Amino acid sequence: MKIHWLRTIKSIEAGRVEVEVMALDENGRPQPTGEIETLEADDLILALGQDTDTTFLRQLEGIDFQSDGVVVVDSNMMTGHAGVFAGGDMAPSERTVTVAVGHGKKAARHIDAFLQGVAVEPKPIKDVATLDKLRLWFFADAAARIQSRIPLDERTGTFGEVTQGLTSADAQFESRRCFSCGNCFECDGCYGACPEDAIVKLGPGQRYEVNYQLCTGCGTCFDQCPVHAITLIPEPPREVAP
């Protein structure tokens, strides 16, 4: 197999493919050169980029677009038109699932704040919870669910999805395999382990707070936290009266 970079197909006939050689311009976009190549091939695999359809947004005032068609957004994921937000492949960024999910989470916070007429208060950035900081003994060994695929002989006669995706039950199981690295998921470990009853439960979804009048700084909560959601910091020195 040979990979032909920066080519666009002009015609296909009886195992012969005519392609036009493309060249990158000063903006990094492919442009035609007029140079034609003829290739012989039994199979042809297309590696095409994809663009988002932003036609419906071009009717709104205040929205700007980059040369590749993506929508310009501010730090709140909002476009130049108040109340219209964009993210994922439609916004300037790496086009990956991880980035798109992050954009969705960030945009949701700012959409909620916009509808309430308040500002989003930035949260302090946590230290990265690397694997060595997790208590893996807490987690069960659960294998990933495998997505089913249609048989090979069926793939050539249909345009249906080859990978069938996860069932609802399997998708929920996969979500429960998440370690929640660095983020408290209310396992009650610190609450049950504290010898001084200094950990206060705030209710479902509200997590906990520490009663520093009772806390002795023993670090038991930190030692048992499975996801490194607790950080110990040195106690500031006390001022000594002259």
C-alpha atoms as a PDB file:
ATOM      1  CA  MET A   1       0.000   0.000   0.000  1.00  0.00           C
ATOM      2  CA  LYS A   2       1.229   3.477  -0.875  1.00  0.00           C
ATOM      3  CA  ILE A   3      -0.121   6.663   0.667  1.00  0.00           C
ATOM      4  CA  HIS A   4      -0.529   9.649  -1.670  1.00  0.00           C
ATOM      5  CA  TRP A   5      -0.654  12.842   0.325  1.00  0.00           C
ATOM      6  CA  LEU A   6      -2.454  16.001  -0.791  1.00  0.00           C
ATOM      7  CA  ARG A   7      -4.325  14.546  -3.736  1.00  0.00           C
ATOM      8  CA  THR A   8      -7.893  15.081  -4.872  1.00  0.00           C
ATOM      9  CA  ILE A   9      -9.695  12.644  -7.190  1.00  0.00           C
ATOM     10  CA  LYS A  10     -10.655  13.895 -10.640  1.00  0.00           C
ATOM     11  CA  SER A  11     -11.977  10.668 -12.211  1.00  0.00           C
ATOM     12  CA  ILE A  12     -12.134   6.896 -11.676  1.00  0.00           C
ATOM     13  CA  GLU A  13     -12.430   4.377 -14.486  1.00  0.00           C
ATOM     14  CA  ALA A  14     -11.629   0.631 -14.715  1.00  0.00           C
ATOM     15  CA  GLY A  15      -8.970   0.539 -12.034  1.00  0.00           C
ATOM     16  CA  ARG A  16      -7.371   3.818 -13.082  1.00  0.00           C
ATOM     17  CA  VAL A  17      -7.637   6.877 -10.876  1.00  0.00           C
ATOM     18  CA  GLU A  18      -6.789  10.380 -12.000  1.00  0.00           C
ATOM     19  CA  VAL A  19      -5.832  12.685  -9.138  1.00  0.00           C
ATOM     20  CA  GLU A  20      -4.761  16.299  -8.992  1.00  0.00           C
ATOM     21  CA  VAL A  21      -1.737  17.209  -6.901  1.00  0.00           C
ATOM     22  CA  MET A  22      -2.509  19.795  -4.214  1.00  0.00           C
ATOM     23  CA  ALA A  23      -0.134  22.187  -2.447  1.00  0.00           C
ATOM     24  CA  LEU A  24      -0.455  23.995   0.864  1.00  0.00           C
ATOM     25  CA  ASP A  25      -0.798  27.769   0.737  1.00  0.00           C
ATOM     26  CA  GLU A  26       0.527  30.247   3.295  1.00  0.00           C
ATOM     27  CA  ASN A  27      -2.434  29.480   5.559  1.00  0.00           C
ATOM     28  CA  GLY A  28      -1.828  25.751   5.478  1.00  0.00           C
ATOM     29  CA  ARG A  29      -4.854  25.053   3.273  1.00  0.00           C
ATOM     30  CA  PRO A  30      -4.596  22.729   0.214  1.00  0.00           C
ATOM     31  CA  GLN A  31      -4.888  24.427  -3.174  1.00  0.00           C
ATOM     32  CA  PRO A  32      -5.000  22.839  -6.689  1.00  0.00           C
ATOM     33  CA  THR A  33      -1.833  22.927  -8.793  1.00  0.00           C
ATOM     34  CA  GLY A  34      -3.186  21.676 -12.127  1.00  0.00           C
ATOM     35  CA  GLU A  35      -0.751  18.743 -12.080  1.00  0.00           C
ATOM     36  CA  ILE A  36      -2.560  15.461 -12.833  1.00  0.00           C
ATOM     37  CA  GLU A  37      -1.355  11.981 -11.907  1.00  0.00           C
ATOM     38  CA  THR A  38      -2.756   8.646 -13.070  1.00  0.00           C
ATOM     39  CA  LEU A  39      -2.719   5.799 -10.548  1.00  0.00           C
ATOM     40  CA  GLU A  40      -3.592   2.148 -10.969  1.00  0.00           C
ATOM     41  CA  ALA A  41      -5.296   0.536  -8.015  1.00  0.00           C
ATOM     42  CA  ASP A  42      -7.443  -2.431  -7.026  1.00  0.00           C
ATOM     43  CA  ASP A  43      -8.728  -0.704  -3.892  1.00  0.00           C
ATOM     44  CA  LEU A  44      -9.027   2.942  -2.952  1.00  0.00           C
ATOM     45  CA  ILE A  45      -9.236   4.276   0.611  1.00  0.00           C
ATOM     46  CA  LEU A  46     -10.197   7.912   1.054  1.00  0.00           C
ATOM     47  CA  ALA A  47      -8.777   9.862   3.993  1.00  0.00           C
ATOM     48  CA  LEU A  48     -10.925  12.989   3.945  1.00  0.00           C
ATOM     49  CA  GLY A  49     -11.146  15.847   6.372  1.00  0.00           C
ATOM     50  CA  GLN A  50     -14.569  16.895   7.583  1.00  0.00           C
ATOM     51  CA  ASP A  51     -16.050  20.352   8.047  1.00  0.00           C
ATOM     52  CA  THR A  52     -18.902  21.475  10.256  1.00  0.00           C
ATOM     53  CA  ASP A  53     -22.090  22.859   8.743  1.00  0.00           C
ATOM     54  CA  THR A  54     -22.353  26.436  10.040  1.00  0.00           C
ATOM     55  CA  THR A  55     -24.799  27.688   7.423  1.00  0.00           C
ATOM     56  CA  PHE A  56     -27.576  28.215   9.953  1.00  0.00           C
ATOM     57  CA  LEU A  57     -25.296  30.424  12.083  1.00  0.00           C
ATOM     58  CA  ARG A  58     -24.353  32.791   9.265  1.00  0.00           C
ATOM     59  CA  GLN A  59     -27.773  34.398   9.478  1.00  0.00           C
ATOM     60  CA  LEU A  60     -27.053  35.686  13.001  1.00  0.00           C
ATOM     61  CA  GLU A  61     -25.398  39.041  13.546  1.00  0.00           C
ATOM     62  CA  GLY A  62     -22.118  39.298  15.406  1.00  0.00           C
ATOM     63  CA  ILE A  63     -20.804  35.780  14.734  1.00  0.00           C
ATOM     64  CA  ASP A  64     -17.348  35.633  13.144  1.00  0.00           C
ATOM     65  CA  PHE A  65     -15.807  32.681  11.328  1.00  0.00           C
ATOM     66  CA  GLN A  66     -12.236  31.642  10.697  1.00  0.00           C
ATOM     67  CA  SER A  67     -10.966  30.760   7.238  1.00  0.00           C
ATOM     68  CA  ASP A  68     -11.657  27.053   7.803  1.00  0.00           C
ATOM     69  CA  GLY A  69     -15.278  27.751   8.729  1.00  0.00           C
ATOM     70  CA  VAL A  70     -15.118  27.267  12.488  1.00  0.00           C
ATOM     71  CA  VAL A  71     -16.884  29.719  14.773  1.00  0.00           C
ATOM     72  CA  VAL A  72     -14.929  32.229  16.836  1.00  0.00           C
ATOM     73  CA  VAL A  73     -15.788  31.952  20.544  1.00  0.00           C
ATOM     74  CA  ASP A  74     -14.596  33.745  23.660  1.00  0.00           C
ATOM     75  CA  SER A  75     -13.250  32.212  26.871  1.00  0.00           C
ATOM     76  CA  ASN A  76     -16.835  31.392  27.907  1.00  0.00           C
ATOM     77  CA  MET A  77     -17.478  29.380  24.707  1.00  0.00           C
ATOM     78  CA  MET A  78     -19.948  32.066  23.576  1.00  0.00           C
ATOM     79  CA  THR A  79     -19.964  33.429  20.042  1.00  0.00           C
ATOM     80  CA  GLY A  80     -20.241  37.100  19.147  1.00  0.00           C
ATOM     81  CA  HIS A  81     -24.033  36.754  19.275  1.00  0.00           C
ATOM     82  CA  ALA A  82     -25.201  36.859  22.905  1.00  0.00           C
ATOM     83  CA  GLY A  83     -26.672  33.569  24.065  1.00  0.00           C
ATOM     84  CA  VAL A  84     -25.246  31.445  21.237  1.00  0.00           C
ATOM     85  CA  PHE A  85     -22.471  29.067  22.285  1.00  0.00           C
ATOM     86  CA  ALA A  86     -20.271  26.740  20.248  1.00  0.00           C
ATOM     87  CA  GLY A  87     -17.682  24.048  20.911  1.00  0.00           C
ATOM     88  CA  GLY A  88     -16.140  20.815  19.703  1.00  0.00           C
ATOM     89  CA  ASP A  89     -15.376  20.640  15.985  1.00  0.00           C
ATOM     90  CA  MET A  90     -17.257  23.891  15.458  1.00  0.00           C
ATOM     91  CA  ALA A  91     -14.811  25.921  17.593  1.00  0.00           C
ATOM     92  CA  PRO A  92     -11.068  26.526  17.121  1.00  0.00           C
ATOM     93  CA  SER A  93      -9.407  23.590  18.913  1.00  0.00           C
ATOM     94  CA  GLU A  94      -8.062  20.095  18.506  1.00  0.00           C
ATOM     95  CA  ARG A  95     -10.790  18.005  16.927  1.00  0.00           C
ATOM     96  CA  THR A  96     -10.899  15.156  19.415  1.00  0.00           C
ATOM     97  CA  VAL A  97     -13.674  13.602  21.482  1.00  0.00           C
ATOM     98  CA  THR A  98     -11.909  14.563  24.703  1.00  0.00           C
ATOM     99  CA  VAL A  99     -11.753  18.250  23.754  1.00  0.00           C
ATOM    100  CA  ALA A 100     -15.395  18.218  22.611  1.00  0.00           C
ATOM    101  CA  VAL A 101     -16.548  16.716  25.917  1.00  0.00           C
ATOM    102  CA  GLY A 102     -14.552  19.351  27.804  1.00  0.00           C
ATOM    103  CA  HIS A 103     -16.109  22.108  25.703  1.00  0.00           C
ATOM    104  CA  GLY A 104     -19.568  20.738  26.471  1.00  0.00           C
ATOM    105  CA  LYS A 105     -18.922  20.770  30.218  1.00  0.00           C
ATOM    106  CA  LYS A 106     -17.469  24.273  30.126  1.00  0.00           C
ATOM    107  CA  ALA A 107     -20.220  25.626  27.896  1.00  0.00           C
ATOM    108  CA  ALA A 108     -22.926  24.110  30.106  1.00  0.00           C
ATOM    109  CA  ARG A 109     -21.640  26.049  33.102  1.00  0.00           C
ATOM    110  CA  HIS A 110     -21.563  29.319  31.190  1.00  0.00           C
ATOM    111  CA  ILE A 111     -24.952  28.728  29.568  1.00  0.00           C
ATOM    112  CA  ASP A 112     -26.471  28.162  33.017  1.00  0.00           C
ATOM    113  CA  ALA A 113     -24.798  31.325  34.307  1.00  0.00           C
ATOM    114  CA  PHE A 114     -25.946  33.315  31.245  1.00  0.00           C
ATOM    115  CA  LEU A 115     -29.563  32.261  31.753  1.00  0.00           C
ATOM    116  CA  GLN A 116     -29.382  33.214  35.423  1.00  0.00           C
ATOM    117  CA  GLY A 117     -27.650  36.509  34.694  1.00  0.00           C
ATOM    118  CA  VAL A 118     -24.643  35.727  36.873  1.00  0.00           C
ATOM    119  CA  ALA A 119     -20.938  35.206  36.264  1.00  0.00           C
ATOM    120  CA  VAL A 120     -19.191  31.873  36.571  1.00  0.00           C
ATOM    121  CA  GLU A 121     -16.725  31.841  39.435  1.00  0.00           C
ATOM    122  CA  PRO A 122     -13.538  30.110  38.292  1.00  0.00           C
ATOM    123  CA  LYS A 123     -12.573  27.121  40.384  1.00  0.00           C
ATOM    124  CA  PRO A 124      -8.992  26.671  41.562  1.00  0.00           C
ATOM    125  CA  ILE A 125      -6.970  24.343  39.362  1.00  0.00           C
ATOM    126  CA  LYS A 126      -6.192  21.070  41.096  1.00  0.00           C
ATOM    127  CA  ASP A 127      -2.972  19.145  40.911  1.00  0.00           C
ATOM    128  CA  VAL A 128      -3.042  16.401  38.304  1.00  0.00           C
ATOM    129  CA  ALA A 129      -3.962  13.097  39.971  1.00  0.00           C
ATOM    130  CA  THR A 130      -1.457  10.773  38.313  1.00  0.00           C
ATOM    131  CA  LEU A 131      -1.766   6.995  38.541  1.00  0.00           C
ATOM    132  CA  ASP A 132       0.736   6.711  41.387  1.00  0.00           C
ATOM    133  CA  LYS A 133      -1.528   8.927  43.540  1.00  0.00           C
ATOM    134  CA  LEU A 134      -4.595   6.683  43.205  1.00  0.00           C
ATOM    135  CA  ARG A 135      -5.475   3.920  45.687  1.00  0.00           C
ATOM    136  CA  LEU A 136      -6.155   1.207  43.152  1.00  0.00           C
ATOM    137  CA  TRP A 137      -7.096  -1.310  45.853  1.00  0.00           C
ATOM    138  CA  PHE A 138     -10.396   0.539  46.137  1.00  0.00           C
ATOM    139  CA  PHE A 139     -11.477  -0.320  42.601  1.00  0.00           C
ATOM    140  CA  ALA A 140     -12.702  -3.668  41.323  1.00  0.00           C
ATOM    141  CA  ASP A 141     -11.030  -5.180  38.256  1.00  0.00           C
ATOM    142  CA  ALA A 142     -13.706  -4.696  35.589  1.00  0.00           C
ATOM    143  CA  ALA A 143     -12.972  -5.382  31.927  1.00  0.00           C
ATOM    144  CA  ALA A 144     -14.176  -2.952  29.269  1.00  0.00           C
ATOM    145  CA  ARG A 145     -17.367  -3.799  27.419  1.00  0.00           C
ATOM    146  CA  ILE A 146     -16.788  -4.686  23.771  1.00  0.00           C
ATOM    147  CA  GLN A 147     -18.858  -2.986  21.075  1.00  0.00           C
ATOM    148  CA  SER A 148     -20.405  -5.433  18.635  1.00  0.00           C
ATOM    149  CA  ARG A 149     -19.693  -5.182  14.894  1.00  0.00           C
ATOM    150  CA  ILE A 150     -21.612  -6.392  11.886  1.00  0.00           C
ATOM    151  CA  PRO A 151     -20.070  -9.402  10.064  1.00  0.00           C
ATOM    152  CA  LEU A 152     -17.558  -8.768   7.269  1.00  0.00           C
ATOM    153  CA  ASP A 153     -19.837 -10.146   4.544  1.00  0.00           C
ATOM    154  CA  GLU A 154     -22.569  -7.654   5.514  1.00  0.00           C
ATOM    155  CA  ARG A 155     -20.323  -4.590   5.443  1.00  0.00           C
ATOM    156  CA  THR A 156     -19.873  -4.623   1.664  1.00  0.00           C
ATOM    157  CA  GLY A 157     -23.580  -4.459   0.957  1.00  0.00           C
ATOM    158  CA  THR A 158     -24.711  -1.694   3.260  1.00  0.00           C
ATOM    159  CA  PHE A 159     -23.822   1.800   4.397  1.00  0.00           C
ATOM    160  CA  GLY A 160     -24.832   1.023   7.974  1.00  0.00           C
ATOM    161  CA  GLU A 161     -22.507   1.567  10.904  1.00  0.00           C
ATOM    162  CA  VAL A 162     -19.929  -1.215  11.249  1.00  0.00           C
ATOM    163  CA  THR A 163     -19.503  -0.684  14.987  1.00  0.00           C
ATOM    164  CA  GLN A 164     -22.860  -0.972  16.705  1.00  0.00           C
ATOM    165  CA  GLY A 165     -22.028   1.026  19.818  1.00  0.00           C
ATOM    166  CA  LEU A 166     -22.845   0.178  23.409  1.00  0.00           C
ATOM    167  CA  THR A 167     -26.182  -0.796  24.825  1.00  0.00           C
ATOM    168  CA  SER A 168     -27.629   1.419  27.538  1.00  0.00           C
ATOM    169  CA  ALA A 169     -26.620  -1.080  30.228  1.00  0.00           C
ATOM    170  CA  ASP A 170     -23.072  -1.404  28.868  1.00  0.00           C
ATOM    171  CA  ALA A 171     -22.688   2.372  28.562  1.00  0.00           C
ATOM    172  CA  GLN A 172     -23.664   2.788  32.220  1.00  0.00           C
ATOM    173  CA  PHE A 173     -21.240   0.030  33.194  1.00  0.00           C
ATOM    174  CA  GLU A 174     -18.437   1.763  31.283  1.00  0.00           C
ATOM    175  CA  SER A 175     -19.140   5.075  33.011  1.00  0.00           C
ATOM    176  CA  ARG A 176     -18.834   3.351  36.392  1.00  0.00           C
ATOM    177  CA  ARG A 177     -15.341   2.153  35.464  1.00  0.00           C
ATOM    178  CA  CYS A 178     -14.126   5.762  35.579  1.00  0.00           C
ATOM    179  CA  PHE A 179     -11.597   6.373  38.363  1.00  0.00           C
ATOM    180  CA  SER A 180     -12.773   9.998  38.766  1.00  0.00           C
ATOM    181  CA  CYS A 181      -9.102  10.994  39.084  1.00  0.00           C
ATOM    182  CA  GLY A 182      -8.735  13.980  41.395  1.00  0.00           C
ATOM    183  CA  ASN A 183     -12.501  14.453  41.758  1.00  0.00           C
ATOM    184  CA  CYS A 184     -14.502  13.410  44.801  1.00  0.00           C
ATOM    185  CA  PHE A 185     -17.325  10.991  44.010  1.00  0.00           C
ATOM    186  CA  GLU A 186     -18.663  10.809  47.588  1.00  0.00           C
ATOM    187  CA  CYS A 187     -17.474   7.310  48.474  1.00  0.00           C
ATOM    188  CA  ASP A 188     -17.728   8.233  52.196  1.00  0.00           C
ATOM    189  CA  GLY A 189     -14.214   6.885  52.779  1.00  0.00           C
ATOM    190  CA  CYS A 190     -12.969  10.026  54.501  1.00  0.00           C
ATOM    191  CA  TYR A 191     -16.213  10.319  56.455  1.00  0.00           C
ATOM    192  CA  GLY A 192     -15.918   6.782  57.786  1.00  0.00           C
ATOM    193  CA  ALA A 193     -12.164   6.859  58.417  1.00  0.00           C
ATOM    194  CA  CYS A 194     -11.830  10.135  60.330  1.00  0.00           C
ATOM    195  CA  PRO A 195     -11.142   9.299  64.012  1.00  0.00           C
ATOM    196  CA  GLU A 196     -12.203  12.769  65.143  1.00  0.00           C
ATOM    197  CA  ASP A 197     -15.552  13.031  63.299  1.00  0.00           C
ATOM    198  CA  ALA A 198     -14.163  16.131  61.602  1.00  0.00           C
ATOM    199  CA  ILE A 199     -15.614  15.287  58.179  1.00  0.00           C
ATOM    200  CA  VAL A 200     -19.096  16.745  57.656  1.00  0.00           C
ATOM    201  CA  LYS A 201     -21.400  15.363  54.946  1.00  0.00           C
ATOM    202  CA  LEU A 202     -23.202  18.139  53.078  1.00  0.00           C
ATOM    203  CA  GLY A 203     -25.742  15.963  51.276  1.00  0.00           C
ATOM    204  CA  PRO A 204     -25.932  14.229  47.893  1.00  0.00           C
ATOM    205  CA  GLY A 205     -23.929  16.096  45.278  1.00  0.00           C
ATOM    206  CA  GLN A 206     -22.569  18.591  47.821  1.00  0.00           C
ATOM    207  CA  ARG A 207     -19.631  16.456  48.979  1.00  0.00           C
ATOM    208  CA  TYR A 208     -18.009  17.300  52.346  1.00  0.00           C
ATOM    209  CA  GLU A 209     -16.378  19.968  54.420  1.00  0.00           C
ATOM    210  CA  VAL A 210     -13.822  19.741  57.227  1.00  0.00           C
ATOM    211  CA  ASN A 211     -14.537  20.955  60.743  1.00  0.00           C
ATOM    212  CA  TYR A 212     -11.128  22.386  61.571  1.00  0.00           C
ATOM    213  CA  GLN A 213     -12.099  22.753  65.218  1.00  0.00           C
ATOM    214  CA  LEU A 214     -12.048  18.953  65.451  1.00  0.00           C
ATOM    215  CA  CYS A 215      -9.418  18.095  62.809  1.00  0.00           C
ATOM    216  CA  THR A 216      -6.001  17.151  64.217  1.00  0.00           C
ATOM    217  CA  GLY A 217      -4.276  16.925  60.851  1.00  0.00           C
ATOM    218  CA  CYS A 218      -3.614  13.191  61.180  1.00  0.00           C
ATOM    219  CA  GLY A 219      -3.977  12.648  57.414  1.00  0.00           C
ATOM    220  CA  THR A 220      -6.180   9.554  57.647  1.00  0.00           C
ATOM    221  CA  CYS A 221      -8.648  11.010  55.154  1.00  0.00           C
ATOM    222  CA  PHE A 222      -5.834  11.748  52.715  1.00  0.00           C
ATOM    223  CA  ASP A 223      -4.302   8.278  53.070  1.00  0.00           C
ATOM    224  CA  GLN A 224      -7.528   6.455  52.225  1.00  0.00           C
ATOM    225  CA  CYS A 225      -8.933   8.750  49.490  1.00  0.00           C
ATOM    226  CA  PRO A 226      -8.963   6.525  46.383  1.00  0.00           C
ATOM    227  CA  VAL A 227      -8.827   9.329  43.801  1.00  0.00           C
ATOM    228  CA  HIS A 228      -6.489  11.936  45.359  1.00  0.00           C
ATOM    229  CA  ALA A 229      -9.338  14.393  45.847  1.00  0.00           C
ATOM    230  CA  ILE A 230      -7.881  15.492  49.194  1.00  0.00           C
ATOM    231  CA  THR A 231      -4.693  17.527  49.457  1.00  0.00           C
ATOM    232  CA  LEU A 232      -2.694  18.053  52.628  1.00  0.00           C
ATOM    233  CA  ILE A 233      -0.962  21.395  53.022  1.00  0.00           C
ATOM    234  CA  PRO A 234       1.364  22.465  55.841  1.00  0.00           C
ATOM    235  CA  GLU A 235      -0.292  24.389  58.655  1.00  0.00           C
ATOM    236  CA  PRO A 236       0.811  28.031  58.552  1.00  0.00           C
ATOM    237  CA  PRO A 237       3.176  28.981  61.368  1.00  0.00           C
ATOM    238  CA  ARG A 238       1.592  30.684  64.309  1.00  0.00           C
ATOM    239  CA  GLU A 239       2.607  34.210  65.089  1.00  0.00           C
ATOM    240  CA  VAL A 240       4.452  34.434  68.382  1.00  0.00           C
ATOM    241  CA  ALA A 241       3.804  37.526  70.433  1.00  0.00           C
ATOM    242  CA  PRO A 242       6.978  39.522  71.196  1.00  0.00           C
END
